[in-house]
C-alpha atoms as a PDB file:
ATOM      1  CA  MET A   1       0.107  -0.126   0.049  1.00  0.00           C
ATOM      2  CA  ALA A   2       1.351   3.328  -0.932  1.00  0.00           C
ATOM      3  CA  THR A   3       2.048   5.532   1.980  1.00  0.00           C
ATOM      4  CA  ARG A   4      -0.738   8.059   2.504  1.00  0.00           C
ATOM      5  CA  ARG A   5       0.300  11.692   2.745  1.00  0.00           C
ATOM      6  CA  GLY A   6      -1.675  14.665   3.297  1.00  0.00           C
ATOM      7  CA  PHE A   7      -3.561  16.434   0.386  1.00  0.00           C
ATOM      8  CA  LEU A   8      -1.532  19.454  -0.066  1.00  0.00           C
ATOM      9  CA  GLY A   9       1.771  17.722   0.447  1.00  0.00           C
ATOM     10  CA  LEU A  10       0.851  14.992  -2.096  1.00  0.00           C
ATOM     11  CA  LEU A  11      -0.005  17.308  -4.902  1.00  0.00           C
ATOM     12  CA  THR A  12       2.811  20.100  -4.374  1.00  0.00           C
ATOM     13  CA  GLY A  13       3.636  21.557  -7.730  1.00  0.00           C
ATOM     14  CA  PHE A  14       0.482  20.455  -9.253  1.00  0.00           C
ATOM     15  CA  ALA A  15       0.101  23.761 -10.973  1.00  0.00           C
ATOM     16  CA  GLY A  16       2.368  22.655 -13.878  1.00  0.00           C
ATOM     17  CA  GLY A  17      -0.184  19.735 -14.462  1.00  0.00           C
ATOM     18  CA  THR A  18      -2.449  19.465 -17.688  1.00  0.00           C
ATOM     19  CA  ALA A  19      -5.638  20.325 -15.978  1.00  0.00           C
ATOM     20  CA  LEU A  20      -5.793  22.600 -12.953  1.00  0.00           C
ATOM     21  CA  ALA A  21      -7.883  22.421 -10.044  1.00  0.00           C
ATOM     22  CA  THR A  22     -10.777  24.795 -10.382  1.00  0.00           C
ATOM     23  CA  TYR A  23     -11.821  26.371  -6.963  1.00  0.00           C
ATOM     24  CA  THR A  24     -13.541  29.518  -5.953  1.00  0.00           C
ATOM     25  CA  SER A  25     -12.631  31.619  -2.702  1.00  0.00           C
ATOM     26  CA  ILE A  26     -15.949  32.503  -1.213  1.00  0.00           C
ATOM     27  CA  PRO A  27     -16.764  34.103   2.182  1.00  0.00           C
ATOM     28  CA  ASP A  28     -17.628  31.399   4.703  1.00  0.00           C
ATOM     29  CA  GLU A  29     -21.329  33.056   4.962  1.00  0.00           C
ATOM     30  CA  TYR A  30     -21.792  32.224   1.576  1.00  0.00           C
ATOM     31  CA  LEU A  31     -20.631  28.731   1.180  1.00  0.00           C
ATOM     32  CA  PRO A  32     -23.209  25.865   0.922  1.00  0.00           C
ATOM     33  CA  PRO A  33     -23.989  24.468   4.533  1.00  0.00           C
ATOM     34  CA  ARG A  34     -22.004  21.435   5.375  1.00  0.00           C
ATOM     35  CA  GLU A  35     -25.287  19.588   6.414  1.00  0.00           C
ATOM     36  CA  ALA A  36     -27.045  20.486   2.819  1.00  0.00           C
ATOM     37  CA  LEU A  37     -28.632  17.811   0.855  1.00  0.00           C
ATOM     38  CA  PRO A  38     -26.941  16.460  -2.180  1.00  0.00           C
ATOM     39  CA  PRO A  39     -27.525  18.393  -5.362  1.00  0.00           C
ATOM     40  CA  GLU A  40     -30.598  17.688  -7.346  1.00  0.00           C
ATOM     41  CA  ILE A  41     -30.597  14.702  -9.939  1.00  0.00           C
ATOM     42  CA  ARG A  42     -31.547  15.569 -13.541  1.00  0.00           C
ATOM     43  CA  PRO A  43     -34.862  13.628 -14.688  1.00  0.00           C
ATOM     44  CA  PRO A  44     -33.807  10.149 -15.400  1.00  0.00           C
ATOM     45  CA  GLU A  45     -35.186  10.516 -19.197  1.00  0.00           C
ATOM     46  CA  THR A  46     -32.674  13.170 -20.273  1.00  0.00           C
ATOM     47  CA  VAL A  47     -29.569  12.318 -22.275  1.00  0.00           C
ATOM     48  CA  THR A  48     -27.517  15.114 -23.476  1.00  0.00           C
ATOM     49  CA  GLU A  49     -25.931  14.623 -26.809  1.00  0.00           C
ATOM     50  CA  SER A  50     -22.854  16.089 -28.477  1.00  0.00           C
ATOM     51  CA  THR A  51     -23.422  19.395 -30.590  1.00  0.00           C
ATOM     52  CA  THR A  52     -21.547  21.256 -33.265  1.00  0.00           C
ATOM     53  CA  GLU A  53     -21.912  24.613 -34.636  1.00  0.00           C
ATOM     54  CA  THR A  54     -22.556  25.232 -38.442  1.00  0.00           C
ATOM     55  CA  THR A  55     -21.220  27.648 -40.612  1.00  0.00           C
ATOM     56  CA  GLY A  56     -24.310  29.868 -40.385  1.00  0.00           C
ATOM     57  CA  GLY A  57     -23.868  29.675 -36.468  1.00  0.00           C
ATOM     58  CA  THR A  58     -26.987  27.145 -36.008  1.00  0.00           C
ATOM     59  CA  PRO A  59     -26.214  24.830 -33.268  1.00  0.00           C
ATOM     60  CA  THR A  60     -27.245  21.166 -34.452  1.00  0.00           C
ATOM     61  CA  THR A  61     -27.438  17.901 -32.449  1.00  0.00           C
ATOM     62  CA  THR A  62     -25.322  14.773 -33.555  1.00  0.00           C
ATOM     63  CA  GLU A  63     -28.132  12.435 -34.754  1.00  0.00           C
ATOM     64  CA  PHE A  64     -28.273   9.143 -32.939  1.00  0.00           C
ATOM     65  CA  PRO A  65     -30.238   6.237 -33.969  1.00  0.00           C
ATOM     66  CA  GLU A  66     -33.415   6.033 -31.366  1.00  0.00           C
ATOM     67  CA  ASP A  67     -32.095   2.566 -30.351  1.00  0.00           C
ATOM     68  CA  VAL A  68     -28.716   4.056 -29.577  1.00  0.00           C
ATOM     69  CA  ARG A  69     -30.245   6.912 -27.426  1.00  0.00           C
ATOM     70  CA  GLU A  70     -32.277   4.687 -25.589  1.00  0.00           C
ATOM     71  CA  ARG A  71     -29.289   2.415 -24.834  1.00  0.00           C
ATOM     72  CA  ALA A  72     -27.422   5.151 -23.787  1.00  0.00           C
ATOM     73  CA  ARG A  73     -30.159   6.231 -21.140  1.00  0.00           C
ATOM     74  CA  GLU A  74     -30.345   2.590 -19.765  1.00  0.00           C
ATOM     75  CA  VAL A  75     -26.576   2.386 -19.346  1.00  0.00           C
ATOM     76  CA  GLY A  76     -26.507   5.944 -17.916  1.00  0.00           C
ATOM     77  CA  LEU A  77     -29.198   5.318 -15.260  1.00  0.00           C
ATOM     78  CA  ALA A  78     -27.329   1.985 -14.436  1.00  0.00           C
ATOM     79  CA  THR A  79     -24.074   3.888 -14.098  1.00  0.00           C
ATOM     80  CA  ARG A  80     -25.666   6.622 -11.947  1.00  0.00           C
ATOM     81  CA  ASP A  81     -25.606   4.377  -8.694  1.00  0.00           C
ATOM     82  CA  ALA A  82     -21.755   3.997  -8.705  1.00  0.00           C
ATOM     83  CA  VAL A  83     -21.138   7.599  -9.680  1.00  0.00           C
ATOM     84  CA  VAL A  84     -20.404  10.248  -6.738  1.00  0.00           C
ATOM     85  CA  TYR A  85     -20.331  13.843  -6.220  1.00  0.00           C
ATOM     86  CA  LEU A  86     -17.247  15.237  -4.665  1.00  0.00           C
ATOM     87  CA  GLU A  87     -17.404  18.262  -2.761  1.00  0.00           C
ATOM     88  CA  LEU A  88     -14.169  19.779  -1.330  1.00  0.00           C
ATOM     89  CA  ARG A  89     -13.442  22.687   1.157  1.00  0.00           C
ATOM     90  CA  ALA A  90     -10.150  24.095   2.109  1.00  0.00           C
ATOM     91  CA  GLY A  91     -10.677  27.253   4.283  1.00  0.00           C
ATOM     92  CA  ASN A  92     -12.937  29.476   2.001  1.00  0.00           C
ATOM     93  CA  ARG A  93     -12.106  27.586  -1.206  1.00  0.00           C
ATOM     94  CA  TYR A  94     -14.944  25.336  -2.578  1.00  0.00           C
ATOM     95  CA  SER A  95     -14.951  23.131  -5.333  1.00  0.00           C
ATOM     96  CA  VAL A  96     -16.861  20.213  -6.776  1.00  0.00           C
ATOM     97  CA  GLY A  97     -16.012  17.065  -8.939  1.00  0.00           C
ATOM     98  CA  THR A  98     -16.987  13.672 -10.257  1.00  0.00           C
ATOM     99  CA  GLY A  99     -15.901  10.264  -9.134  1.00  0.00           C
ATOM    100  CA  TRP A 100     -17.042   6.667  -9.763  1.00  0.00           C
ATOM    101  CA  ILE A 101     -16.682   3.566  -7.571  1.00  0.00           C
ATOM    102  CA  LEU A 102     -14.356   0.837  -9.014  1.00  0.00           C
ATOM    103  CA  ASP A 103     -14.787  -1.783  -6.142  1.00  0.00           C
ATOM    104  CA  ASP A 104     -15.964  -2.161  -2.993  1.00  0.00           C
ATOM    105  CA  THR A 105     -13.221   0.150  -1.204  1.00  0.00           C
ATOM    106  CA  HIS A 106     -12.182   2.422  -3.978  1.00  0.00           C
ATOM    107  CA  ILE A 107     -13.123   5.325  -5.747  1.00  0.00           C
ATOM    108  CA  VAL A 108     -11.674   6.905  -8.931  1.00  0.00           C
ATOM    109  CA  THR A 109     -11.370  10.590  -9.797  1.00  0.00           C
ATOM    110  CA  ASN A 110      -9.035  13.073 -11.059  1.00  0.00           C
ATOM    111  CA  GLY A 111      -5.640  14.361  -9.401  1.00  0.00           C
ATOM    112  CA  HIS A 112      -6.696  17.985 -10.006  1.00  0.00           C
ATOM    113  CA  VAL A 113     -10.360  17.533  -8.416  1.00  0.00           C
ATOM    114  CA  VAL A 114      -8.476  16.841  -5.028  1.00  0.00           C
ATOM    115  CA  ALA A 115      -5.394  19.325  -5.567  1.00  0.00           C
ATOM    116  CA  GLN A 116      -6.740  21.981  -3.350  1.00  0.00           C
ATOM    117  CA  GLY A 117      -7.083  19.582  -0.188  1.00  0.00           C
ATOM    118  CA  GLY A 118      -9.186  20.063   2.557  1.00  0.00           C
ATOM    119  CA  GLU A 119     -12.219  18.437   3.884  1.00  0.00           C
ATOM    120  CA  VAL A 120     -14.024  15.859   1.406  1.00  0.00           C
ATOM    121  CA  THR A 121     -17.682  15.201   1.106  1.00  0.00           C
ATOM    122  CA  CYS A 122     -18.752  12.432  -0.806  1.00  0.00           C
ATOM    123  CA  TYR A 123     -22.288  11.824  -1.998  1.00  0.00           C
ATOM    124  CA  THR A 124     -24.125   9.013  -3.661  1.00  0.00           C
ATOM    125  CA  ALA A 125     -26.895   9.107  -5.969  1.00  0.00           C
ATOM    126  CA  ASP A 126     -29.539   8.110  -3.222  1.00  0.00           C
ATOM    127  CA  GLY A 127     -28.339  11.002  -0.731  1.00  0.00           C
ATOM    128  CA  ASP A 128     -26.120   9.092   1.409  1.00  0.00           C
ATOM    129  CA  THR A 129     -22.366  10.046   2.028  1.00  0.00           C
ATOM    130  CA  LEU A 130     -19.338   7.745   2.031  1.00  0.00           C
ATOM    131  CA  ASP A 131     -16.308   8.688   4.248  1.00  0.00           C
ATOM    132  CA  VAL A 132     -13.418   8.711   2.143  1.00  0.00           C
ATOM    133  CA  GLU A 133      -9.545   9.291   2.320  1.00  0.00           C
ATOM    134  CA  LEU A 134      -7.043   9.885  -0.323  1.00  0.00           C
ATOM    135  CA  VAL A 135      -4.520   6.960  -1.195  1.00  0.00           C
ATOM    136  CA  GLU A 136      -2.427   8.590  -3.856  1.00  0.00           C
ATOM    137  CA  ALA A 137      -2.718  11.089  -6.728  1.00  0.00           C
ATOM    138  CA  SER A 138      -0.814  11.495 -10.071  1.00  0.00           C
ATOM    139  CA  GLN A 139      -0.302  14.722 -11.995  1.00  0.00           C
ATOM    140  CA  ARG A 140       0.373  12.951 -15.485  1.00  0.00           C
ATOM    141  CA  PRO A 141      -1.902  11.085 -16.079  1.00  0.00           C
ATOM    142  CA  ASP A 142      -4.365  13.012 -14.181  1.00  0.00           C
ATOM    143  CA  VAL A 143      -5.668  10.182 -11.778  1.00  0.00           C
ATOM    144  CA  ALA A 144      -6.502  10.044  -8.102  1.00  0.00           C
ATOM    145  CA  LEU A 145      -7.526   7.122  -5.824  1.00  0.00           C
ATOM    146  CA  LEU A 146      -9.888   7.305  -2.839  1.00  0.00           C
ATOM    147  CA  ARG A 147     -10.606   4.737  -0.232  1.00  0.00           C
ATOM    148  CA  THR A 148     -13.812   3.999   1.720  1.00  0.00           C
ATOM    149  CA  THR A 149     -14.590   1.507   4.398  1.00  0.00           C
ATOM    150  CA  ASP A 150     -18.504   2.258   4.147  1.00  0.00           C
ATOM    151  CA  ASP A 151     -20.785  -0.188   2.123  1.00  0.00           C
ATOM    152  CA  VAL A 152     -21.198   1.189  -1.416  1.00  0.00           C
ATOM    153  CA  PRO A 153     -24.111   1.279  -3.423  1.00  0.00           C
ATOM    154  CA  ALA A 154     -22.670  -0.061  -6.779  1.00  0.00           C
ATOM    155  CA  THR A 155     -19.595  -0.606  -8.702  1.00  0.00           C
ATOM    156  CA  LEU A 156     -18.628  -0.416 -12.379  1.00  0.00           C
ATOM    157  CA  SER A 157     -16.901  -3.259 -14.564  1.00  0.00           C
ATOM    158  CA  THR A 158     -14.114  -1.966 -16.695  1.00  0.00           C
ATOM    159  CA  GLY A 159     -13.612  -2.845 -20.424  1.00  0.00           C
ATOM    160  CA  SER A 160     -10.623  -2.101 -22.989  1.00  0.00           C
ATOM    161  CA  ALA A 161      -9.770   1.205 -24.483  1.00  0.00           C
ATOM    162  CA  GLU A 162      -7.879  -0.516 -26.922  1.00  0.00           C
ATOM    163  CA  ASP A 163     -10.806  -2.135 -28.423  1.00  0.00           C
ATOM    164  CA  LEU A 164     -12.705   1.069 -29.174  1.00  0.00           C
ATOM    165  CA  ASP A 165     -13.797   1.899 -32.884  1.00  0.00           C
ATOM    166  CA  ARG A 166     -13.806   5.381 -34.392  1.00  0.00           C
ATOM    167  CA  ASN A 167     -17.533   6.756 -33.995  1.00  0.00           C
ATOM    168  CA  GLN A 168     -18.420   4.299 -31.489  1.00  0.00           C
ATOM    169  CA  PRO A 169     -20.980   5.855 -29.169  1.00  0.00           C
ATOM    170  CA  LEU A 170     -20.078   6.153 -25.767  1.00  0.00           C
ATOM    171  CA  VAL A 171     -21.808   7.608 -22.489  1.00  0.00           C
ATOM    172  CA  GLN A 172     -20.664   9.803 -19.665  1.00  0.00           C
ATOM    173  CA  VAL A 173     -22.225  10.298 -16.225  1.00  0.00           C
ATOM    174  CA  GLY A 174     -20.880  13.276 -14.028  1.00  0.00           C
ATOM    175  CA  HIS A 175     -21.838  16.822 -12.761  1.00  0.00           C
ATOM    176  CA  PRO A 176     -21.336  19.459 -15.415  1.00  0.00           C
ATOM    177  CA  GLY A 177     -22.235  22.553 -13.029  1.00  0.00           C
ATOM    178  CA  SER A 178     -23.926  24.516 -15.843  1.00  0.00           C
ATOM    179  CA  VAL A 179     -26.178  21.534 -16.644  1.00  0.00           C
ATOM    180  CA  GLY A 180     -27.140  19.487 -13.754  1.00  0.00           C
ATOM    181  CA  ASN A 181     -25.884  16.631 -11.549  1.00  0.00           C
ATOM    182  CA  TRP A 182     -25.828  12.705 -12.542  1.00  0.00           C
ATOM    183  CA  VAL A 183     -26.286  14.096 -16.066  1.00  0.00           C
ATOM    184  CA  ILE A 184     -26.249  11.185 -18.710  1.00  0.00           C
ATOM    185  CA  SER A 185     -24.161  12.611 -21.813  1.00  0.00           C
ATOM    186  CA  LEU A 186     -23.723  10.705 -25.342  1.00  0.00           C
ATOM    187  CA  GLY A 187     -21.047  11.002 -28.139  1.00  0.00           C
ATOM    188  CA  THR A 188     -18.585   9.259 -29.995  1.00  0.00           C
ATOM    189  CA  PHE A 189     -14.968   8.126 -29.937  1.00  0.00           C
ATOM    190  CA  THR A 190     -13.118  10.410 -32.214  1.00  0.00           C
ATOM    191  CA  GLY A 191      -9.582   9.065 -31.736  1.00  0.00           C
ATOM    192  CA  ARG A 192      -6.376   9.170 -29.714  1.00  0.00           C
ATOM    193  CA  THR A 193      -4.201  12.075 -28.821  1.00  0.00           C
ATOM    194  CA  GLY A 194      -1.194  13.240 -26.769  1.00  0.00           C
ATOM    195  CA  VAL A 195      -1.774  16.339 -24.888  1.00  0.00           C
ATOM    196  CA  LEU A 196       0.819  18.468 -23.212  1.00  0.00           C
ATOM    197  CA  GLY A 197       2.991  15.808 -22.498  1.00  0.00           C
ATOM    198  CA  THR A 198       0.202  13.489 -21.003  1.00  0.00           C
ATOM    199  CA  GLY A 199       0.851  10.543 -23.372  1.00  0.00           C
ATOM    200  CA  ASP A 200      -1.904   8.453 -24.894  1.00  0.00           C
ATOM    201  CA  THR A 201      -5.323   9.932 -24.504  1.00  0.00           C
ATOM    202  CA  LEU A 202      -8.687   9.271 -25.375  1.00  0.00           C
ATOM    203  CA  LYS A 203     -10.523  11.832 -27.554  1.00  0.00           C
ATOM    204  CA  THR A 204     -14.476  12.112 -27.720  1.00  0.00           C
ATOM    205  CA  SER A 205     -17.250  14.253 -28.797  1.00  0.00           C
ATOM    206  CA  VAL A 206     -18.947  13.592 -25.229  1.00  0.00           C
ATOM    207  CA  PRO A 207     -20.368  16.638 -23.988  1.00  0.00           C
ATOM    208  CA  SER A 208     -18.418  17.967 -20.851  1.00  0.00           C
ATOM    209  CA  ALA A 209     -18.084  20.857 -18.836  1.00  0.00           C
ATOM    210  CA  GLN A 210     -16.599  22.156 -15.551  1.00  0.00           C
ATOM    211  CA  GLY A 211     -17.475  19.760 -12.857  1.00  0.00           C
ATOM    212  CA  SER A 212     -17.347  16.679 -15.220  1.00  0.00           C
ATOM    213  CA  SER A 213     -13.794  15.918 -14.403  1.00  0.00           C
ATOM    214  CA  GLY A 214     -13.424  12.419 -12.767  1.00  0.00           C
ATOM    215  CA  SER A 215     -16.422  10.845 -14.708  1.00  0.00           C
ATOM    216  CA  PRO A 216     -16.400   7.535 -16.079  1.00  0.00           C
ATOM    217  CA  LEU A 217     -16.423   7.086 -19.915  1.00  0.00           C
ATOM    218  CA  VAL A 218     -18.650   3.918 -20.668  1.00  0.00           C
ATOM    219  CA  THR A 219     -19.586   1.882 -23.612  1.00  0.00           C
ATOM    220  CA  LEU A 220     -23.052   0.694 -24.308  1.00  0.00           C
ATOM    221  CA  ASP A 221     -22.266  -2.262 -22.731  1.00  0.00           C
ATOM    222  CA  GLY A 222     -21.672  -0.640 -19.658  1.00  0.00           C
ATOM    223  CA  ASP A 223     -18.087  -0.843 -19.126  1.00  0.00           C
ATOM    224  CA  VAL A 224     -15.971   1.821 -18.284  1.00  0.00           C
ATOM    225  CA  VAL A 225     -13.236   2.461 -20.789  1.00  0.00           C
ATOM    226  CA  GLY A 226     -11.891   6.081 -19.683  1.00  0.00           C
ATOM    227  CA  LEU A 227     -11.516   8.569 -16.999  1.00  0.00           C
ATOM    228  CA  THR A 228     -12.846  12.066 -18.069  1.00  0.00           C
ATOM    229  CA  TYR A 229     -10.134  14.936 -17.286  1.00  0.00           C
ATOM    230  CA  ALA A 230     -10.365  17.872 -19.398  1.00  0.00           C
ATOM    231  CA  SER A 231     -12.065  19.161 -22.641  1.00  0.00           C
ATOM    232  CA  THR A 232     -10.277  21.315 -25.568  1.00  0.00           C
ATOM    233  CA  ILE A 233     -11.704  23.594 -28.305  1.00  0.00           C
ATOM    234  CA  GLU A 234     -11.277  21.869 -31.523  1.00  0.00           C
ATOM    235  CA  ARG A 235     -10.924  25.071 -33.437  1.00  0.00           C
ATOM    236  CA  GLY A 236      -8.400  27.028 -31.376  1.00  0.00           C
ATOM    237  CA  ARG A 237      -5.108  28.317 -32.745  1.00  0.00           C
ATOM    238  CA  PHE A 238      -1.762  26.614 -32.064  1.00  0.00           C
ATOM    239  CA  PRO A 239       0.441  28.795 -29.392  1.00  0.00           C
ATOM    240  CA  GLY A 240       2.988  31.060 -31.324  1.00  0.00           C
ATOM    241  CA  SER A 241       0.728  31.695 -34.470  1.00  0.00           C
ATOM    242  CA  ALA A 242      -1.022  35.192 -34.948  1.00  0.00           C
ATOM    243  CA  PRO A 243      -4.639  35.193 -34.013  1.00  0.00           C
ATOM    244  CA  GLU A 244      -7.067  36.254 -36.308  1.00  0.00           C
ATOM    245  CA  PRO A 245     -10.475  38.083 -36.021  1.00  0.00           C
ATOM    246  CA  THR A 246     -13.464  35.875 -36.692  1.00  0.00           C
ATOM    247  CA  ASP A 247     -16.523  36.881 -38.653  1.00  0.00           C
ATOM    248  CA  ASP A 248     -18.477  39.828 -38.151  1.00  0.00           C
ATOM    249  CA  ARG A 249     -21.653  38.013 -36.955  1.00  0.00           C
ATOM    250  CA  VAL A 250     -23.040  39.368 -33.744  1.00  0.00           C
ATOM    251  CA  ARG A 251     -23.709  36.605 -31.317  1.00  0.00           C
ATOM    252  CA  GLU A 252     -26.182  36.183 -28.535  1.00  0.00           C
ATOM    253  CA  SER A 253     -25.035  33.014 -27.142  1.00  0.00           C
ATOM    254  CA  PHE A 254     -21.777  30.840 -27.786  1.00  0.00           C
ATOM    255  CA  ARG A 255     -21.801  27.069 -28.735  1.00  0.00           C
ATOM    256  CA  THR A 256     -18.446  25.690 -28.931  1.00  0.00           C
ATOM    257  CA  ASN A 257     -17.223  22.502 -30.712  1.00  0.00           C
ATOM    258  CA  SER A 258     -14.977  21.076 -28.072  1.00  0.00           C
ATOM    259  CA  ALA A 259     -13.578  17.527 -27.475  1.00  0.00           C
ATOM    260  CA  ALA A 260     -13.469  15.629 -24.196  1.00  0.00           C
ATOM    261  CA  LEU A 261     -10.139  13.988 -23.156  1.00  0.00           C
ATOM    262  CA  HIS A 262     -10.021  10.930 -21.081  1.00  0.00           C
ATOM    263  CA  VAL A 263      -7.320   8.809 -19.519  1.00  0.00           C
ATOM    264  CA  PRO A 264      -7.547   5.139 -20.798  1.00  0.00           C
ATOM    265  CA  ILE A 265      -8.748   2.572 -18.506  1.00  0.00           C
ATOM    266  CA  GLU A 266      -5.690   0.358 -18.727  1.00  0.00           C
ATOM    267  CA  ARG A 267      -3.638   3.467 -17.462  1.00  0.00           C
ATOM    268  CA  VAL A 268      -6.028   4.000 -14.681  1.00  0.00           C
ATOM    269  CA  GLU A 269      -5.997   0.285 -13.544  1.00  0.00           C
ATOM    270  CA  SER A 270      -2.180   0.198 -13.753  1.00  0.00           C
ATOM    271  CA  LEU A 271      -1.933   2.948 -11.203  1.00  0.00           C
ATOM    272  CA  VAL A 272      -4.555   1.736  -8.922  1.00  0.00           C
ATOM    273  CA  ALA A 273      -2.735  -1.621  -8.656  1.00  0.00           C
ATOM    274  CA  GLU A 274       0.550   0.114  -7.934  1.00  0.00           C
ATOM    275  CA  TRP A 275      -1.078   2.419  -5.180  1.00  0.00           C
ATOM    276  CA  SER A 276      -3.058  -0.378  -3.608  1.00  0.00           C
END
């Protein structure tokens, strides 16, 4: 078993990581009460699908066959029971993230989710809380392992990221703060990439946002094949190139074409085995 260290000591120097912890400094009187009930769960029939923006600026939804959408909903609902909501407090800093239950004692999330340290509250979908402690965390790849001695409501099975096919439908369940909690989202596998020295990374069109970090990426068979840790704008410029003005449309809202990034499950399992 890896020697357990404090949150802050464990993640010293983490600011150089691929994805940074997102937190907000809030006066204590404005922080959510510690005894607050867990966030509201989105209606079970809702599945968020990947979107793109056309040349004319009209957002369109990726068309999935009805049977794929229904299967995604079924898988998402089954996955929810093993997905947790992580709430972290350190002084007047407050942040949230997603995690998922790997087995009877371990919960997987991102290193940057726990980077600020402090007190962790772990909510399950049925409103219970689990006592958790940090086992270990990694900067690259962006993985952290929590341990609990409480009874867990469910666990997730793992599959193989090596077997993914391009355009294969994939499901994610997490807590994108601007959308809701235990949100089921659907997209496709678009390939592999290496981002800022992170090595092999899965790239998908699955909708993700702040709060999705730590979500499981799941096949339509219900097997976890990746750990969500970031998203990137597909049409951004390369560093060092001169920025150019966009067209002259007046926009009343933004719809970005982004890709979600995920640590392959094989790398996650390798670290879990090393740490436990």
